[in-house]
Amino acid sequence: ESDADKIKGATQLKFSSNIDDLKLCDLFIVTVPTPINQFKAPDLA
């Protein structure tokens, strides 16, 4: 969906898996998956 040039061009973007880094943030945008389970019911986990 992206490439090295686009990622490099986002000069103010930092990647992290450290939850402490989120303490600096004011705006959160959630884009996690919302699948269904084996019974075809929403899986909100």
ModelCIF file with pLDDT and N, C-alpha, C, O atoms, coordinates in Angstrom:
data_MODEL
#
_entry.id   MODEL 
#
_entity.id                         1 
_entity.type                       polymer 
_entity.pdbx_number_of_molecules   1 
#
_entity_poly.entity_id                      1 
_entity_poly.type                           'polypeptide(L)' 
_entity_poly.nstd_linkage                   no 
_entity_poly.nstd_monomer                   no 
_entity_poly.pdbx_seq_one_letter_code       ESDADKIKGATQLKFSSNIDDLKLCDLFIVTVPTPINQFKAPDLA 
_entity_poly.pdbx_seq_one_letter_code_can   ESDADKIKGATQLKFSSNIDDLKLCDLFIVTVPTPINQFKAPDLA 
_entity_poly.pdbx_strand_id                 A 
#
loop_
_entity_poly_seq.entity_id 
_entity_poly_seq.num 
_entity_poly_seq.mon_id 
_entity_poly_seq.hetero 
1 1  GLU n 
1 2  SER n 
1 3  ASP n 
1 4  ALA n 
1 5  ASP n 
1 6  LYS n 
1 7  ILE n 
1 8  LYS n 
1 9  GLY n 
1 10 ALA n 
1 11 THR n 
1 12 GLN n 
1 13 LEU n 
1 14 LYS n 
1 15 PHE n 
1 16 SER n 
1 17 SER n 
1 18 ASN n 
1 19 ILE n 
1 20 ASP n 
1 21 ASP n 
1 22 LEU n 
1 23 LYS n 
1 24 LEU n 
1 25 CYS n 
1 26 ASP n 
1 27 LEU n 
1 28 PHE n 
1 29 ILE n 
1 30 VAL n 
1 31 THR n 
1 32 VAL n 
1 33 PRO n 
1 34 THR n 
1 35 PRO n 
1 36 ILE n 
1 37 ASN n 
1 38 GLN n 
1 39 PHE n 
1 40 LYS n 
1 41 ALA n 
1 42 PRO n 
1 43 ASP n 
1 44 LEU n 
1 45 ALA n 
#
_struct_asym.id          A 
_struct_asym.entity_id   1 
#
loop_
_ma_qa_metric.id 
_ma_qa_metric.mode 
_ma_qa_metric.name 
_ma_qa_metric.software_group_id 
_ma_qa_metric.type 
1 global pLDDT . pLDDT 
2 local  pLDDT . pLDDT 
#
_ma_qa_metric_global.metric_id      1 
_ma_qa_metric_global.metric_value   90.24 
_ma_qa_metric_global.model_id       1 
_ma_qa_metric_global.ordinal_id     1 
#
loop_
_ma_qa_metric_local.label_asym_id 
_ma_qa_metric_local.label_comp_id 
_ma_qa_metric_local.label_seq_id 
_ma_qa_metric_local.metric_id 
_ma_qa_metric_local.metric_value 
_ma_qa_metric_local.model_id 
_ma_qa_metric_local.ordinal_id 
A GLU 1  2 76.00 1 1  
A SER 2  2 76.00 1 2  
A ASP 3  2 75.00 1 3  
A ALA 4  2 76.00 1 4  
A ASP 5  2 79.00 1 5  
A LYS 6  2 82.00 1 6  
A ILE 7  2 85.00 1 7  
A LYS 8  2 83.00 1 8  
A GLY 9  2 82.00 1 9  
A ALA 10 2 83.00 1 10 
A THR 11 2 86.00 1 11 
A GLN 12 2 91.00 1 12 
A LEU 13 2 93.00 1 13 
A LYS 14 2 94.00 1 14 
A PHE 15 2 94.00 1 15 
A SER 16 2 95.00 1 16 
A SER 17 2 94.00 1 17 
A ASN 18 2 94.00 1 18 
A ILE 19 2 95.00 1 19 
A ASP 20 2 94.00 1 20 
A ASP 21 2 94.00 1 21 
A LEU 22 2 95.00 1 22 
A LYS 23 2 93.00 1 23 
A LEU 24 2 91.00 1 24 
A CYS 25 2 94.00 1 25 
A ASP 26 2 93.00 1 26 
A LEU 27 2 96.00 1 27 
A PHE 28 2 97.00 1 28 
A ILE 29 2 97.00 1 29 
A VAL 30 2 97.00 1 30 
A THR 31 2 95.00 1 31 
A VAL 32 2 95.00 1 32 
A PRO 33 2 92.00 1 33 
A THR 34 2 93.00 1 34 
A PRO 35 2 91.00 1 35 
A ILE 36 2 90.00 1 36 
A ASN 37 2 90.00 1 37 
A GLN 38 2 88.00 1 38 
A PHE 39 2 90.00 1 39 
A LYS 40 2 90.00 1 40 
A ALA 41 2 92.00 1 41 
A PRO 42 2 94.00 1 42 
A ASP 43 2 95.00 1 43 
A LEU 44 2 96.00 1 44 
A ALA 45 2 96.00 1 45 
#
loop_
_atom_site.group_PDB 
_atom_site.id 
_atom_site.type_symbol 
_atom_site.label_atom_id 
_atom_site.label_alt_id 
_atom_site.label_comp_id 
_atom_site.label_asym_id 
_atom_site.label_entity_id 
_atom_site.label_seq_id 
_atom_site.pdbx_PDB_ins_code 
_atom_site.Cartn_x 
_atom_site.Cartn_y 
_atom_site.Cartn_z 
_atom_site.occupancy 
_atom_site.B_iso_or_equiv 
_atom_site.pdbx_formal_charge 
_atom_site.auth_seq_id 
_atom_site.auth_comp_id 
_atom_site.auth_asym_id 
_atom_site.auth_atom_id 
_atom_site.pdbx_PDB_model_num 
ATOM 1   N N  . GLU A 1 1  ? 0.827   -1.209  0.000  1.00 76.00 ? 1  GLU A N  1 
ATOM 2   C CA . GLU A 1 1  ? 0.000   0.000   0.000  1.00 76.00 ? 1  GLU A CA 1 
ATOM 3   C C  . GLU A 1 1  ? 0.861   1.260   0.000  1.00 76.00 ? 1  GLU A C  1 
ATOM 4   O O  . GLU A 1 1  ? 0.382   2.349   -0.315 1.00 76.00 ? 1  GLU A O  1 
ATOM 5   N N  . SER A 1 2  ? 2.122   1.105   0.352  1.00 76.00 ? 2  SER A N  1 
ATOM 6   C CA . SER A 1 2  ? 3.055   2.224   0.342  1.00 76.00 ? 2  SER A CA 1 
ATOM 7   C C  . SER A 1 2  ? 4.404   1.706   -0.138 1.00 76.00 ? 2  SER A C  1 
ATOM 8   O O  . SER A 1 2  ? 4.548   0.517   -0.420 1.00 76.00 ? 2  SER A O  1 
ATOM 9   N N  . ASP A 1 3  ? 5.389   2.589   -0.230 1.00 75.00 ? 3  ASP A N  1 
ATOM 10  C CA . ASP A 1 3  ? 6.728   2.152   -0.622 1.00 75.00 ? 3  ASP A CA 1 
ATOM 11  C C  . ASP A 1 3  ? 7.761   2.982   0.128  1.00 75.00 ? 3  ASP A C  1 
ATOM 12  O O  . ASP A 1 3  ? 7.413   3.903   0.867  1.00 75.00 ? 3  ASP A O  1 
ATOM 13  N N  . ALA A 1 4  ? 9.024   2.650   -0.066 1.00 76.00 ? 4  ALA A N  1 
ATOM 14  C CA . ALA A 1 4  ? 10.098  3.291   0.689  1.00 76.00 ? 4  ALA A CA 1 
ATOM 15  C C  . ALA A 1 4  ? 10.134  4.801   0.475  1.00 76.00 ? 4  ALA A C  1 
ATOM 16  O O  . ALA A 1 4  ? 10.394  5.552   1.416  1.00 76.00 ? 4  ALA A O  1 
ATOM 17  N N  . ASP A 1 5  ? 9.876   5.250   -0.746 1.00 79.00 ? 5  ASP A N  1 
ATOM 18  C CA . ASP A 1 5  ? 9.924   6.687   -1.034 1.00 79.00 ? 5  ASP A CA 1 
ATOM 19  C C  . ASP A 1 5  ? 8.814   7.444   -0.309 1.00 79.00 ? 5  ASP A C  1 
ATOM 20  O O  . ASP A 1 5  ? 9.042   8.521   0.240  1.00 79.00 ? 5  ASP A O  1 
ATOM 21  N N  . LYS A 1 6  ? 7.599   6.865   -0.313 1.00 82.00 ? 6  LYS A N  1 
ATOM 22  C CA . LYS A 1 6  ? 6.483   7.519   0.378  1.00 82.00 ? 6  LYS A CA 1 
ATOM 23  C C  . LYS A 1 6  ? 6.721   7.564   1.883  1.00 82.00 ? 6  LYS A C  1 
ATOM 24  O O  . LYS A 1 6  ? 6.473   8.576   2.539  1.00 82.00 ? 6  LYS A O  1 
ATOM 25  N N  . ILE A 1 7  ? 7.208   6.444   2.411  1.00 85.00 ? 7  ILE A N  1 
ATOM 26  C CA . ILE A 1 7  ? 7.474   6.386   3.851  1.00 85.00 ? 7  ILE A CA 1 
ATOM 27  C C  . ILE A 1 7  ? 8.574   7.380   4.231  1.00 85.00 ? 7  ILE A C  1 
ATOM 28  O O  . ILE A 1 7  ? 8.479   8.073   5.244  1.00 85.00 ? 7  ILE A O  1 
ATOM 29  N N  . LYS A 1 8  ? 9.604   7.437   3.411  1.00 83.00 ? 8  LYS A N  1 
ATOM 30  C CA . LYS A 1 8  ? 10.709  8.369   3.665  1.00 83.00 ? 8  LYS A CA 1 
ATOM 31  C C  . LYS A 1 8  ? 10.233  9.815   3.556  1.00 83.00 ? 8  LYS A C  1 
ATOM 32  O O  . LYS A 1 8  ? 10.728  10.697  4.258  1.00 83.00 ? 8  LYS A O  1 
ATOM 33  N N  . GLY A 1 9  ? 9.264   10.047  2.665  1.00 82.00 ? 9  GLY A N  1 
ATOM 34  C CA . GLY A 1 9  ? 8.736   11.399  2.474  1.00 82.00 ? 9  GLY A CA 1 
ATOM 35  C C  . GLY A 1 9  ? 7.906   11.898  3.639  1.00 82.00 ? 9  GLY A C  1 
ATOM 36  O O  . GLY A 1 9  ? 7.708   13.102  3.800  1.00 82.00 ? 9  GLY A O  1 
ATOM 37  N N  . ALA A 1 10 ? 7.419   10.970  4.456  1.00 83.00 ? 10 ALA A N  1 
ATOM 38  C CA . ALA A 1 10 ? 6.652   11.359  5.653  1.00 83.00 ? 10 ALA A CA 1 
ATOM 39  C C  . ALA A 1 10 ? 7.646   11.691  6.755  1.00 83.00 ? 10 ALA A C  1 
ATOM 40  O O  . ALA A 1 10 ? 7.883   10.885  7.654  1.00 83.00 ? 10 ALA A O  1 
ATOM 41  N N  . THR A 1 11 ? 8.215   12.866  6.680  1.00 86.00 ? 11 THR A N  1 
ATOM 42  C CA . THR A 1 11 ? 9.350   13.230  7.541  1.00 86.00 ? 11 THR A CA 1 
ATOM 43  C C  . THR A 1 11 ? 8.995   13.373  9.017  1.00 86.00 ? 11 THR A C  1 
ATOM 44  O O  . THR A 1 11 ? 9.881   13.354  9.872  1.00 86.00 ? 11 THR A O  1 
ATOM 45  N N  . GLN A 1 12 ? 7.696   13.516  9.323  1.00 91.00 ? 12 GLN A N  1 
ATOM 46  C CA . GLN A 1 12 ? 7.298   13.693  10.716 1.00 91.00 ? 12 GLN A CA 1 
ATOM 47  C C  . GLN A 1 12 ? 6.677   12.416  11.300 1.00 91.00 ? 12 GLN A C  1 
ATOM 48  O O  . GLN A 1 12 ? 6.050   12.435  12.359 1.00 91.00 ? 12 GLN A O  1 
ATOM 49  N N  . LEU A 1 13 ? 6.873   11.306  10.570 1.00 93.00 ? 13 LEU A N  1 
ATOM 50  C CA . LEU A 1 13 ? 6.312   10.031  10.998 1.00 93.00 ? 13 LEU A CA 1 
ATOM 51  C C  . LEU A 1 13 ? 7.358   9.175   11.699 1.00 93.00 ? 13 LEU A C  1 
ATOM 52  O O  . LEU A 1 13 ? 8.476   9.005   11.214 1.00 93.00 ? 13 LEU A O  1 
ATOM 53  N N  . LYS A 1 14 ? 6.968   8.642   12.847 1.00 94.00 ? 14 LYS A N  1 
ATOM 54  C CA . LYS A 1 14 ? 7.826   7.723   13.605 1.00 94.00 ? 14 LYS A CA 1 
ATOM 55  C C  . LYS A 1 14 ? 7.048   6.443   13.861 1.00 94.00 ? 14 LYS A C  1 
ATOM 56  O O  . LYS A 1 14 ? 5.882   6.493   14.252 1.00 94.00 ? 14 LYS A O  1 
ATOM 57  N N  . PHE A 1 15 ? 7.684   5.295   13.645 1.00 94.00 ? 15 PHE A N  1 
ATOM 58  C CA . PHE A 1 15 ? 7.043   4.011   13.904 1.00 94.00 ? 15 PHE A CA 1 
ATOM 59  C C  . PHE A 1 15 ? 7.439   3.495   15.282 1.00 94.00 ? 15 PHE A C  1 
ATOM 60  O O  . PHE A 1 15 ? 8.584   3.640   15.710 1.00 94.00 ? 15 PHE A O  1 
ATOM 61  N N  . SER A 1 16 ? 6.479   2.894   15.962 1.00 95.00 ? 16 SER A N  1 
ATOM 62  C CA . SER A 1 16 ? 6.766   2.425   17.319 1.00 95.00 ? 16 SER A CA 1 
ATOM 63  C C  . SER A 1 16 ? 5.845   1.278   17.725 1.00 95.00 ? 16 SER A C  1 
ATOM 64  O O  . SER A 1 16 ? 4.714   1.164   17.254 1.00 95.00 ? 16 SER A O  1 
ATOM 65  N N  . SER A 1 17 ? 6.363   0.439   18.610 1.00 94.00 ? 17 SER A N  1 
ATOM 66  C CA . SER A 1 17 ? 5.528   -0.577  19.263 1.00 94.00 ? 17 SER A CA 1 
ATOM 67  C C  . SER A 1 17 ? 5.624   -0.405  20.782 1.00 94.00 ? 17 SER A C  1 
ATOM 68  O O  . SER A 1 17 ? 5.241   -1.286  21.551 1.00 94.00 ? 17 SER A O  1 
ATOM 69  N N  . ASN A 1 18 ? 6.146   0.756   21.187 1.00 94.00 ? 18 ASN A N  1 
ATOM 70  C CA . ASN A 1 18 ? 6.305   1.092   22.606 1.00 94.00 ? 18 ASN A CA 1 
ATOM 71  C C  . ASN A 1 18 ? 5.118   1.927   23.075 1.00 94.00 ? 18 ASN A C  1 
ATOM 72  O O  . ASN A 1 18 ? 4.925   3.059   22.631 1.00 94.00 ? 18 ASN A O  1 
ATOM 73  N N  . ILE A 1 19 ? 4.330   1.355   23.975 1.00 95.00 ? 19 ILE A N  1 
ATOM 74  C CA . ILE A 1 19 ? 3.115   2.036   24.436 1.00 95.00 ? 19 ILE A CA 1 
ATOM 75  C C  . ILE A 1 19 ? 3.427   3.384   25.083 1.00 95.00 ? 19 ILE A C  1 
ATOM 76  O O  . ILE A 1 19 ? 2.617   4.308   24.997 1.00 95.00 ? 19 ILE A O  1 
ATOM 77  N N  . ASP A 1 20 ? 4.564   3.509   25.716 1.00 94.00 ? 20 ASP A N  1 
ATOM 78  C CA . ASP A 1 20 ? 4.921   4.774   26.371 1.00 94.00 ? 20 ASP A CA 1 
ATOM 79  C C  . ASP A 1 20 ? 4.990   5.939   25.384 1.00 94.00 ? 20 ASP A C  1 
ATOM 80  O O  . ASP A 1 20 ? 4.756   7.087   25.762 1.00 94.00 ? 20 ASP A O  1 
ATOM 81  N N  . ASP A 1 21 ? 5.309   5.648   24.124 1.00 94.00 ? 21 ASP A N  1 
ATOM 82  C CA . ASP A 1 21 ? 5.378   6.713   23.119 1.00 94.00 ? 21 ASP A CA 1 
ATOM 83  C C  . ASP A 1 21 ? 4.009   7.358   22.891 1.00 94.00 ? 21 ASP A C  1 
ATOM 84  O O  . ASP A 1 21 ? 3.922   8.507   22.457 1.00 94.00 ? 21 ASP A O  1 
ATOM 85  N N  . LEU A 1 22 ? 2.943   6.610   23.186 1.00 95.00 ? 22 LEU A N  1 
ATOM 86  C CA . LEU A 1 22 ? 1.593   7.128   22.970 1.00 95.00 ? 22 LEU A CA 1 
ATOM 87  C C  . LEU A 1 22 ? 1.195   8.177   24.004 1.00 95.00 ? 22 LEU A C  1 
ATOM 88  O O  . LEU A 1 22 ? 0.237   8.924   23.801 1.00 95.00 ? 22 LEU A O  1 
ATOM 89  N N  . LYS A 1 23 ? 1.925   8.229   25.100 1.00 93.00 ? 23 LYS A N  1 
ATOM 90  C CA . LYS A 1 23 ? 1.610   9.204   26.150 1.00 93.00 ? 23 LYS A CA 1 
ATOM 91  C C  . LYS A 1 23 ? 1.822   10.639  25.680 1.00 93.00 ? 23 LYS A C  1 
ATOM 92  O O  . LYS A 1 23 ? 1.322   11.580  26.295 1.00 93.00 ? 23 LYS A O  1 
ATOM 93  N N  . LEU A 1 24 ? 2.559   10.801  24.595 1.00 91.00 ? 24 LEU A N  1 
ATOM 94  C CA . LEU A 1 24 ? 2.830   12.134  24.051 1.00 91.00 ? 24 LEU A CA 1 
ATOM 95  C C  . LEU A 1 24 ? 1.705   12.622  23.149 1.00 91.00 ? 24 LEU A C  1 
ATOM 96  O O  . LEU A 1 24 ? 1.715   13.775  22.718 1.00 91.00 ? 24 LEU A O  1 
ATOM 97  N N  . CYS A 1 25 ? 0.737   11.759  22.859 1.00 94.00 ? 25 CYS A N  1 
ATOM 98  C CA . CYS A 1 25 ? -0.250  12.059  21.822 1.00 94.00 ? 25 CYS A CA 1 
ATOM 99  C C  . CYS A 1 25 ? -1.546  12.652  22.364 1.00 94.00 ? 25 CYS A C  1 
ATOM 100 O O  . CYS A 1 25 ? -1.963  12.379  23.489 1.00 94.00 ? 25 CYS A O  1 
ATOM 101 N N  . ASP A 1 26 ? -2.167  13.474  21.516 1.00 93.00 ? 26 ASP A N  1 
ATOM 102 C CA . ASP A 1 26 ? -3.447  14.113  21.843 1.00 93.00 ? 26 ASP A CA 1 
ATOM 103 C C  . ASP A 1 26 ? -4.590  13.547  21.003 1.00 93.00 ? 26 ASP A C  1 
ATOM 104 O O  . ASP A 1 26 ? -5.746  13.524  21.426 1.00 93.00 ? 26 ASP A O  1 
ATOM 105 N N  . LEU A 1 27 ? -4.235  13.094  19.809 1.00 96.00 ? 27 LEU A N  1 
ATOM 106 C CA . LEU A 1 27 ? -5.222  12.553  18.879 1.00 96.00 ? 27 LEU A CA 1 
ATOM 107 C C  . LEU A 1 27 ? -4.876  11.098  18.582 1.00 96.00 ? 27 LEU A C  1 
ATOM 108 O O  . LEU A 1 27 ? -3.737  10.781  18.242 1.00 96.00 ? 27 LEU A O  1 
ATOM 109 N N  . PHE A 1 28 ? -5.862  10.218  18.713 1.00 97.00 ? 28 PHE A N  1 
ATOM 110 C CA . PHE A 1 28 ? -5.662  8.798   18.443 1.00 97.00 ? 28 PHE A CA 1 
ATOM 111 C C  . PHE A 1 28 ? -6.618  8.360   17.337 1.00 97.00 ? 28 PHE A C  1 
ATOM 112 O O  . PHE A 1 28 ? -7.819  8.623   17.410 1.00 97.00 ? 28 PHE A O  1 
ATOM 113 N N  . ILE A 1 29 ? -6.092  7.700   16.324 1.00 97.00 ? 29 ILE A N  1 
ATOM 114 C CA . ILE A 1 29 ? -6.921  7.187   15.232 1.00 97.00 ? 29 ILE A CA 1 
ATOM 115 C C  . ILE A 1 29 ? -6.760  5.673   15.195 1.00 97.00 ? 29 ILE A C  1 
ATOM 116 O O  . ILE A 1 29 ? -5.659  5.163   14.986 1.00 97.00 ? 29 ILE A O  1 
ATOM 117 N N  . VAL A 1 30 ? -7.861  4.957   15.400 1.00 97.00 ? 30 VAL A N  1 
ATOM 118 C CA . VAL A 1 30 ? -7.838  3.504   15.546 1.00 97.00 ? 30 VAL A CA 1 
ATOM 119 C C  . VAL A 1 30 ? -8.217  2.831   14.224 1.00 97.00 ? 30 VAL A C  1 
ATOM 120 O O  . VAL A 1 30 ? -9.299  3.060   13.683 1.00 97.00 ? 30 VAL A O  1 
ATOM 121 N N  . THR A 1 31 ? -7.296  1.987   13.711 1.00 95.00 ? 31 THR A N  1 
ATOM 122 C CA . THR A 1 31 ? -7.534  1.315   12.425 1.00 95.00 ? 31 THR A CA 1 
ATOM 123 C C  . THR A 1 31 ? -7.313  -0.196  12.537 1.00 95.00 ? 31 THR A C  1 
ATOM 124 O O  . THR A 1 31 ? -6.870  -0.833  11.582 1.00 95.00 ? 31 THR A O  1 
ATOM 125 N N  . VAL A 1 32 ? -7.618  -0.755  13.684 1.00 95.00 ? 32 VAL A N  1 
ATOM 126 C CA . VAL A 1 32 ? -7.390  -2.196  13.887 1.00 95.00 ? 32 VAL A CA 1 
ATOM 127 C C  . VAL A 1 32 ? -8.487  -3.008  13.186 1.00 95.00 ? 32 VAL A C  1 
ATOM 128 O O  . VAL A 1 32 ? -9.551  -2.468  12.883 1.00 95.00 ? 32 VAL A O  1 
ATOM 129 N N  . PRO A 1 33 ? -8.241  -4.296  12.927 1.00 92.00 ? 33 PRO A N  1 
ATOM 130 C CA . PRO A 1 33 ? -9.239  -5.134  12.243 1.00 92.00 ? 33 PRO A CA 1 
ATOM 131 C C  . PRO A 1 33 ? -10.493 -5.346  13.092 1.00 92.00 ? 33 PRO A C  1 
ATOM 132 O O  . PRO A 1 33 ? -10.440 -5.347  14.322 1.00 92.00 ? 33 PRO A O  1 
ATOM 133 N N  . THR A 1 34 ? -11.607 -5.522  12.410 1.00 93.00 ? 34 THR A N  1 
ATOM 134 C CA . THR A 1 34 ? -12.859 -5.906  13.083 1.00 93.00 ? 34 THR A CA 1 
ATOM 135 C C  . THR A 1 34 ? -13.417 -7.122  12.336 1.00 93.00 ? 34 THR A C  1 
ATOM 136 O O  . THR A 1 34 ? -14.301 -6.980  11.491 1.00 93.00 ? 34 THR A O  1 
ATOM 137 N N  . PRO A 1 35 ? -12.905 -8.306  12.646 1.00 91.00 ? 35 PRO A N  1 
ATOM 138 C CA . PRO A 1 35 ? -13.323 -9.532  11.950 1.00 91.00 ? 35 PRO A CA 1 
ATOM 139 C C  . PRO A 1 35 ? -14.614 -10.106 12.520 1.00 91.00 ? 35 PRO A C  1 
ATOM 140 O O  . PRO A 1 35 ? -15.253 -9.501  13.381 1.00 91.00 ? 35 PRO A O  1 
ATOM 141 N N  . ILE A 1 36 ? -14.979 -11.267 12.031 1.00 90.00 ? 36 ILE A N  1 
ATOM 142 C CA . ILE A 1 36 ? -16.082 -12.035 12.607 1.00 90.00 ? 36 ILE A CA 1 
ATOM 143 C C  . ILE A 1 36 ? -15.509 -13.346 13.141 1.00 90.00 ? 36 ILE A C  1 
ATOM 144 O O  . ILE A 1 36 ? -14.444 -13.787 12.710 1.00 90.00 ? 36 ILE A O  1 
ATOM 145 N N  . ASN A 1 37 ? -16.228 -13.968 14.090 1.00 90.00 ? 37 ASN A N  1 
ATOM 146 C CA . ASN A 1 37 ? -15.752 -15.236 14.649 1.00 90.00 ? 37 ASN A CA 1 
ATOM 147 C C  . ASN A 1 37 ? -16.325 -16.412 13.858 1.00 90.00 ? 37 ASN A C  1 
ATOM 148 O O  . ASN A 1 37 ? -16.955 -16.220 12.818 1.00 90.00 ? 37 ASN A O  1 
ATOM 149 N N  . GLN A 1 38 ? -16.102 -17.622 14.354 1.00 88.00 ? 38 GLN A N  1 
ATOM 150 C CA . GLN A 1 38 ? -16.550 -18.814 13.619 1.00 88.00 ? 38 GLN A CA 1 
ATOM 151 C C  . GLN A 1 38 ? -18.061 -18.922 13.538 1.00 88.00 ? 38 GLN A C  1 
ATOM 152 O O  . GLN A 1 38 ? -18.588 -19.684 12.728 1.00 88.00 ? 38 GLN A O  1 
ATOM 153 N N  . PHE A 1 39 ? -18.758 -18.170 14.366 1.00 90.00 ? 39 PHE A N  1 
ATOM 154 C CA . PHE A 1 39 ? -20.224 -18.168 14.338 1.00 90.00 ? 39 PHE A CA 1 
ATOM 155 C C  . PHE A 1 39 ? -20.774 -16.993 13.526 1.00 90.00 ? 39 PHE A C  1 
ATOM 156 O O  . PHE A 1 39 ? -21.975 -16.723 13.533 1.00 90.00 ? 39 PHE A O  1 
ATOM 157 N N  . LYS A 1 40 ? -19.860 -16.291 12.818 1.00 90.00 ? 40 LYS A N  1 
ATOM 158 C CA . LYS A 1 40 ? -20.199 -15.140 11.978 1.00 90.00 ? 40 LYS A CA 1 
ATOM 159 C C  . LYS A 1 40 ? -20.801 -13.986 12.783 1.00 90.00 ? 40 LYS A C  1 
ATOM 160 O O  . LYS A 1 40 ? -21.649 -13.236 12.299 1.00 90.00 ? 40 LYS A O  1 
ATOM 161 N N  . ALA A 1 41 ? -20.338 -13.872 14.017 1.00 92.00 ? 41 ALA A N  1 
ATOM 162 C CA . ALA A 1 41 ? -20.719 -12.757 14.885 1.00 92.00 ? 41 ALA A CA 1 
ATOM 163 C C  . ALA A 1 41 ? -19.531 -11.794 14.996 1.00 92.00 ? 41 ALA A C  1 
ATOM 164 O O  . ALA A 1 41 ? -18.383 -12.223 14.876 1.00 92.00 ? 41 ALA A O  1 
ATOM 165 N N  . PRO A 1 42 ? -19.790 -10.496 15.224 1.00 94.00 ? 42 PRO A N  1 
ATOM 166 C CA . PRO A 1 42 ? -18.689 -9.531  15.331 1.00 94.00 ? 42 PRO A CA 1 
ATOM 167 C C  . PRO A 1 42 ? -17.684 -9.917  16.412 1.00 94.00 ? 42 PRO A C  1 
ATOM 168 O O  . PRO A 1 42 ? -18.058 -10.312 17.516 1.00 94.00 ? 42 PRO A O  1 
ATOM 169 N N  . ASP A 1 43 ? -16.409 -9.797  16.076 1.00 95.00 ? 43 ASP A N  1 
ATOM 170 C CA . ASP A 1 43 ? -15.326 -10.021 17.027 1.00 95.00 ? 43 ASP A CA 1 
ATOM 171 C C  . ASP A 1 43 ? -14.683 -8.671  17.320 1.00 95.00 ? 43 ASP A C  1 
ATOM 172 O O  . ASP A 1 43 ? -13.851 -8.189  16.551 1.00 95.00 ? 43 ASP A O  1 
ATOM 173 N N  . LEU A 1 44 ? -15.072 -8.074  18.424 1.00 96.00 ? 44 LEU A N  1 
ATOM 174 C CA . LEU A 1 44 ? -14.598 -6.736  18.774 1.00 96.00 ? 44 LEU A CA 1 
ATOM 175 C C  . LEU A 1 44 ? -13.321 -6.747  19.611 1.00 96.00 ? 44 LEU A C  1 
ATOM 176 O O  . LEU A 1 44 ? -12.866 -5.697  20.064 1.00 96.00 ? 44 LEU A O  1 
ATOM 177 N N  . ALA A 1 45 ? -12.746 -7.926  19.816 1.00 96.00 ? 45 ALA A N  1 
ATOM 178 C CA . ALA A 1 45 ? -11.574 -8.030  20.696 1.00 96.00 ? 45 ALA A CA 1 
ATOM 179 C C  . ALA A 1 45 ? -10.439 -7.073  20.307 1.00 96.00 ? 45 ALA A C  1 
ATOM 180 O O  . ALA A 1 45 ? -9.395  -7.054  20.960 1.00 96.00 ? 45 ALA A O  1 
#
